[in-house]
Amino acid sequence: MNSELTVEVCVDSLESAVAAERGGAKRVELCSSLAEGGVTPSAGLIATARQNLSINLHVIIRPRGGDFCYSPDEFAVMKKDILMAKQLGANGVVFGILDVDGRVDIPRTRDLVQYAMPLATTYHRAFDMSADLGKSLEDVVEAGADRVLTSGGASTAIEGIQVLRGLVEVARGRIVVLACGGIDIENVHSVIEKTGVREIHVSLRTTMPSPMRYRNPNLSMGTLRLNEYERAFVLDTRVEQLLQAVSGSRPSSKPS
């Protein structure tokens, strides 16, 4: 693999985080509740992940699922969670805030960027939910974030590939475009070649049955019925295979 390419793996457990590093990832994004798109993980998970990883650990700062328009109280929670992540040894934090009209909330985003220093900051896929991606890119740059996580405003990076390419060109080295959205072993080479991104964000989750022998068929603890009896993990072999799939990639341009 081209050593300049960074692979970030999204994980929601210690087991997946360790597997991502073992497979060759350079960074993990640590979340909880990936069924909701990821929310802030517990202090215990952050601390344990930090103790077991040597690669960079970025922590999502998202106080709840749903939209990205936060109340003053929720914003206060985000600041406290950033402080917690900093104290527990995270290398970066990941967040995104929009206003009611789907625009990047520049003042509060800038506030979080400054509060997080010296940690790296990523503006997450709230970006893809914004009303105008071009304007939003400039807003995130103005707010001072180091990178933006995006699929080009589409469900997948493949569907948003032309927009991703345009964002990389417009970024001009002012911010890193971190491509995401269904990137896997089969399409990773194409995403890199056609967009010029130098960082990709993947999940590569494999669903496995729970080891529970007794299962209550009449009750589910969440909104997905009987979801308690499935577990999703990152396997180190899948990360290795992804890296092998991009080993011959030669992007036509870099996010300069």
Protein backbone atom coordinates (compact mmCIF):
# COMPACT_ATOMS: atom_id res chain seq x y z
CA MET A 1 0.00 0.00 0.00
CA ASN A 2 1.14 3.50 -0.69
CA SER A 3 2.45 4.69 2.69
CA GLU A 4 0.87 8.11 2.18
CA LEU A 5 -2.64 6.67 2.34
CA THR A 6 -4.29 6.67 5.77
CA VAL A 7 -6.97 4.10 6.56
CA GLU A 8 -9.24 4.95 9.48
CA VAL A 9 -11.55 2.23 10.80
CA CYS A 10 -14.78 3.05 12.59
CA VAL A 11 -15.19 0.82 15.66
CA ASP A 12 -17.54 0.48 18.61
CA SER A 13 -15.71 -2.05 20.76
CA LEU A 14 -12.27 -2.76 22.14
CA GLU A 15 -12.13 -6.01 20.20
CA SER A 16 -12.74 -4.21 16.89
CA ALA A 17 -10.25 -1.46 17.73
CA VAL A 18 -7.49 -3.98 18.44
CA ALA A 19 -8.35 -5.92 15.27
CA ALA A 20 -8.19 -2.73 13.20
CA GLU A 21 -4.67 -2.00 14.43
CA ARG A 22 -3.60 -5.60 13.98
CA GLY A 23 -4.87 -5.47 10.40
CA GLY A 24 -2.79 -2.40 9.57
CA ALA A 25 -5.10 0.59 10.11
CA LYS A 26 -3.37 3.85 11.03
CA ARG A 27 -6.28 5.28 13.02
CA VAL A 28 -9.58 4.29 14.60
CA GLU A 29 -12.68 6.36 15.16
CA LEU A 30 -14.22 5.15 18.41
CA CYS A 31 -18.01 5.31 18.75
CA SER A 32 -20.90 3.70 20.51
CA SER A 33 -24.33 2.88 19.05
CA LEU A 34 -23.33 2.61 15.41
CA ALA A 35 -26.95 1.71 14.61
CA GLU A 36 -27.64 5.42 15.22
CA GLY A 37 -24.63 6.52 13.22
CA GLY A 38 -22.40 6.64 16.28
CA VAL A 39 -22.58 8.54 19.56
CA THR A 40 -19.99 9.41 22.20
CA PRO A 41 -18.48 6.26 23.75
CA SER A 42 -18.10 5.78 27.49
CA ALA A 43 -15.06 6.90 29.43
CA GLY A 44 -14.33 3.27 30.18
CA LEU A 45 -14.24 2.32 26.51
CA ILE A 46 -12.04 5.30 25.60
CA ALA A 47 -9.59 4.58 28.42
CA THR A 48 -9.39 0.86 27.66
CA ALA A 49 -8.96 1.46 23.94
CA ARG A 50 -6.16 3.94 24.63
CA GLN A 51 -4.39 1.41 26.86
CA ASN A 52 -4.53 -1.25 24.16
CA LEU A 53 -3.74 0.77 21.03
CA SER A 54 -0.56 2.33 19.72
CA ILE A 55 -2.21 3.91 16.65
CA ASN A 56 -4.15 7.18 16.69
CA LEU A 57 -7.46 7.16 18.51
CA HIS A 58 -10.16 9.63 17.48
CA VAL A 59 -13.34 9.81 19.56
CA ILE A 60 -16.72 10.84 18.21
CA ILE A 61 -18.40 13.64 20.17
CA ARG A 62 -22.11 13.26 19.51
CA PRO A 63 -24.44 13.52 22.51
CA ARG A 64 -27.38 11.74 20.87
CA GLY A 65 -28.65 10.24 17.66
CA GLY A 66 -30.85 12.16 15.26
CA ASP A 67 -30.13 15.57 13.78
CA PHE A 68 -27.10 17.78 14.35
CA CYS A 69 -28.83 20.90 15.64
CA TYR A 70 -27.94 20.98 19.33
CA SER A 71 -29.41 22.82 22.29
CA PRO A 72 -27.19 24.88 24.62
CA ASP A 73 -27.26 22.02 27.13
CA GLU A 74 -26.23 19.49 24.49
CA PHE A 75 -23.42 21.79 23.38
CA ALA A 76 -22.21 21.95 26.98
CA VAL A 77 -22.21 18.15 27.08
CA MET A 78 -20.09 18.06 23.92
CA LYS A 79 -17.49 20.33 25.50
CA LYS A 80 -17.32 18.16 28.60
CA ASP A 81 -16.97 15.05 26.44
CA ILE A 82 -14.11 16.65 24.52
CA LEU A 83 -12.37 17.35 27.82
CA MET A 84 -12.93 13.74 28.86
CA ALA A 85 -11.48 12.41 25.59
CA LYS A 86 -8.49 14.71 25.96
CA GLN A 87 -7.84 13.59 29.53
CA LEU A 88 -8.10 9.92 28.54
CA GLY A 89 -5.43 10.23 25.85
CA ALA A 90 -7.36 10.56 22.59
CA ASN A 91 -5.41 11.94 19.63
CA GLY A 92 -8.44 13.58 18.05
CA VAL A 93 -12.17 14.23 18.29
CA VAL A 94 -14.92 14.04 15.69
CA PHE A 95 -18.01 16.27 15.73
CA GLY A 96 -20.41 18.28 13.60
CA ILE A 97 -22.98 20.99 14.26
CA LEU A 98 -25.59 22.43 11.88
CA ASP A 99 -28.08 25.24 12.34
CA VAL A 100 -31.80 24.87 11.65
CA ASP A 101 -31.29 25.76 7.98
CA GLY A 102 -28.73 23.03 7.39
CA ARG A 103 -25.71 25.33 7.46
CA VAL A 104 -22.49 24.67 9.35
CA ASP A 105 -22.70 26.41 12.72
CA ILE A 106 -19.38 28.22 12.34
CA PRO A 107 -19.17 29.93 15.76
CA ARG A 108 -19.88 26.78 17.77
CA THR A 109 -17.78 24.60 15.50
CA ARG A 110 -14.86 27.00 15.91
CA ASP A 111 -15.44 26.96 19.67
CA LEU A 112 -15.16 23.16 19.76
CA VAL A 113 -12.06 23.18 17.55
CA GLN A 114 -10.35 25.61 19.89
CA TYR A 115 -11.56 23.73 22.97
CA ALA A 116 -10.13 20.49 21.58
CA MET A 117 -6.63 21.86 20.93
CA PRO A 118 -4.07 20.39 20.60
CA LEU A 119 -6.12 17.37 19.47
CA ALA A 120 -6.88 16.82 15.79
CA THR A 121 -10.44 17.67 14.78
CA THR A 122 -12.70 16.08 12.18
CA TYR A 123 -16.02 17.53 11.08
CA HIS A 124 -18.13 14.41 10.61
CA ARG A 125 -20.98 13.49 8.27
CA ALA A 126 -23.21 16.24 9.53
CA PHE A 127 -21.42 17.78 6.55
CA ASP A 128 -23.29 15.44 4.19
CA MET A 129 -26.60 16.50 5.75
CA SER A 130 -25.92 20.18 5.08
CA ALA A 131 -27.80 22.22 2.50
CA ASP A 132 -24.83 23.21 0.31
CA LEU A 133 -21.68 21.10 0.36
CA GLY A 134 -19.53 23.68 -1.39
CA LYS A 135 -20.45 26.42 1.08
CA SER A 136 -20.18 23.96 3.97
CA LEU A 137 -16.63 23.03 2.99
CA GLU A 138 -15.61 26.69 3.16
CA ASP A 139 -17.40 27.04 6.49
CA VAL A 140 -15.60 24.05 8.00
CA VAL A 141 -12.29 25.43 6.75
CA GLU A 142 -13.14 28.79 8.32
CA ALA A 143 -13.98 27.08 11.61
CA GLY A 144 -10.51 25.52 11.65
CA ALA A 145 -11.17 21.77 11.56
CA ASP A 146 -8.35 19.56 10.27
CA ARG A 147 -10.48 17.27 8.12
CA VAL A 148 -14.00 16.64 6.92
CA LEU A 149 -15.64 13.21 6.74
CA THR A 150 -17.84 12.88 3.67
CA SER A 151 -19.31 10.57 1.06
CA GLY A 152 -19.93 13.51 -1.25
CA GLY A 153 -23.46 13.95 0.10
CA ALA A 154 -24.57 10.55 -1.21
CA SER A 155 -25.37 7.26 0.49
CA THR A 156 -22.02 5.84 -0.60
CA ALA A 157 -18.67 7.15 -1.79
CA ILE A 158 -19.22 5.44 -5.14
CA GLU A 159 -22.48 7.33 -5.67
CA GLY A 160 -20.86 10.59 -4.58
CA ILE A 161 -17.56 10.02 -6.36
CA GLN A 162 -17.72 13.07 -8.64
CA VAL A 163 -18.63 15.36 -5.75
CA LEU A 164 -15.82 13.88 -3.67
CA ARG A 165 -13.41 14.59 -6.48
CA GLY A 166 -14.61 18.17 -6.63
CA LEU A 167 -14.28 18.62 -2.87
CA VAL A 168 -10.69 17.35 -2.98
CA GLU A 169 -9.88 19.85 -5.72
CA VAL A 170 -11.56 22.75 -3.93
CA ALA A 171 -9.93 21.87 -0.59
CA ARG A 172 -6.49 22.70 -2.02
CA GLY A 173 -4.65 21.47 1.06
CA ARG A 174 -6.57 23.71 3.44
CA ILE A 175 -8.37 20.71 4.91
CA VAL A 176 -8.14 16.93 4.50
CA VAL A 177 -11.07 15.24 2.76
CA LEU A 178 -11.68 11.92 4.50
CA ALA A 179 -13.78 9.76 2.17
CA CYS A 180 -16.38 7.39 3.60
CA GLY A 181 -19.57 5.57 2.73
CA GLY A 182 -19.58 1.88 1.90
CA ILE A 183 -15.89 1.75 1.01
CA ASP A 184 -14.81 -1.88 0.91
CA ILE A 185 -12.38 -4.30 -0.65
CA GLU A 186 -14.18 -4.28 -3.99
CA ASN A 187 -14.42 -0.52 -4.54
CA VAL A 188 -11.59 1.05 -2.54
CA HIS A 189 -9.19 1.17 -5.48
CA SER A 190 -11.76 2.97 -7.61
CA VAL A 191 -12.57 5.51 -4.87
CA ILE A 192 -8.91 6.41 -4.43
CA GLU A 193 -8.12 6.57 -8.14
CA LYS A 194 -11.18 8.64 -9.09
CA THR A 195 -11.16 11.13 -6.20
CA GLY A 196 -7.52 11.62 -5.25
CA VAL A 197 -8.31 11.26 -1.53
CA ARG A 198 -5.40 10.36 0.73
CA GLU A 199 -7.51 9.25 3.69
CA ILE A 200 -10.39 6.79 3.78
CA HIS A 201 -12.82 5.85 6.54
CA VAL A 202 -14.20 2.32 6.58
CA SER A 203 -16.26 0.08 8.85
CA LEU A 204 -15.69 -3.40 7.36
CA ARG A 205 -17.99 -4.88 9.97
CA THR A 206 -18.80 -8.58 9.95
CA THR A 207 -21.99 -9.75 11.67
CA MET A 208 -21.75 -12.79 13.89
CA PRO A 209 -24.35 -14.61 15.98
CA SER A 210 -24.38 -14.05 19.73
CA PRO A 211 -22.95 -16.92 21.80
CA MET A 212 -26.15 -16.94 23.87
CA ARG A 213 -27.84 -20.33 23.85
CA TYR A 214 -30.98 -19.10 25.59
CA ARG A 215 -32.84 -16.45 23.60
CA ASN A 216 -36.06 -14.74 24.64
CA PRO A 217 -38.22 -14.57 21.48
CA ASN A 218 -40.81 -12.28 23.09
CA LEU A 219 -38.71 -9.27 23.98
CA SER A 220 -36.22 -6.94 22.35
CA MET A 221 -34.28 -4.29 24.26
CA GLY A 222 -33.88 -2.01 21.24
CA THR A 223 -35.82 -0.85 18.20
CA LEU A 224 -34.34 -3.59 15.99
CA ARG A 225 -36.16 -6.74 17.01
CA LEU A 226 -33.91 -9.47 18.45
CA ASN A 227 -30.84 -7.43 17.55
CA GLU A 228 -29.39 -8.52 20.91
CA TYR A 229 -28.52 -11.84 19.32
CA GLU A 230 -26.24 -10.43 16.65
CA ARG A 231 -22.85 -8.84 17.09
CA ALA A 232 -20.82 -6.90 14.54
CA PHE A 233 -17.03 -6.86 14.69
CA VAL A 234 -14.11 -5.65 12.63
CA LEU A 235 -11.87 -8.53 11.61
CA ASP A 236 -8.16 -7.93 11.17
CA THR A 237 -8.17 -10.10 8.05
CA ARG A 238 -10.65 -7.78 6.32
CA VAL A 239 -8.52 -4.74 7.12
CA GLU A 240 -5.48 -6.56 5.71
CA GLN A 241 -7.42 -7.44 2.56
CA LEU A 242 -8.47 -3.81 2.11
CA LEU A 243 -4.86 -2.66 2.36
CA GLN A 244 -3.85 -5.28 -0.18
CA ALA A 245 -6.62 -4.06 -2.50
CA VAL A 246 -5.17 -0.55 -2.57
CA SER A 247 -1.51 -1.54 -2.71
CA GLY A 248 -1.36 -0.84 -6.45
CA SER A 249 -3.40 2.38 -6.37
CA ARG A 250 -1.87 5.47 -7.91
CA PRO A 251 -4.21 8.44 -7.31
CA SER A 252 -4.25 10.92 -10.13
CA SER A 253 -4.09 13.82 -7.68
CA LYS A 254 -3.65 14.43 -3.98
CA PRO A 255 -5.70 16.68 -1.76
CA SER A 256 -3.08 19.35 -2.16
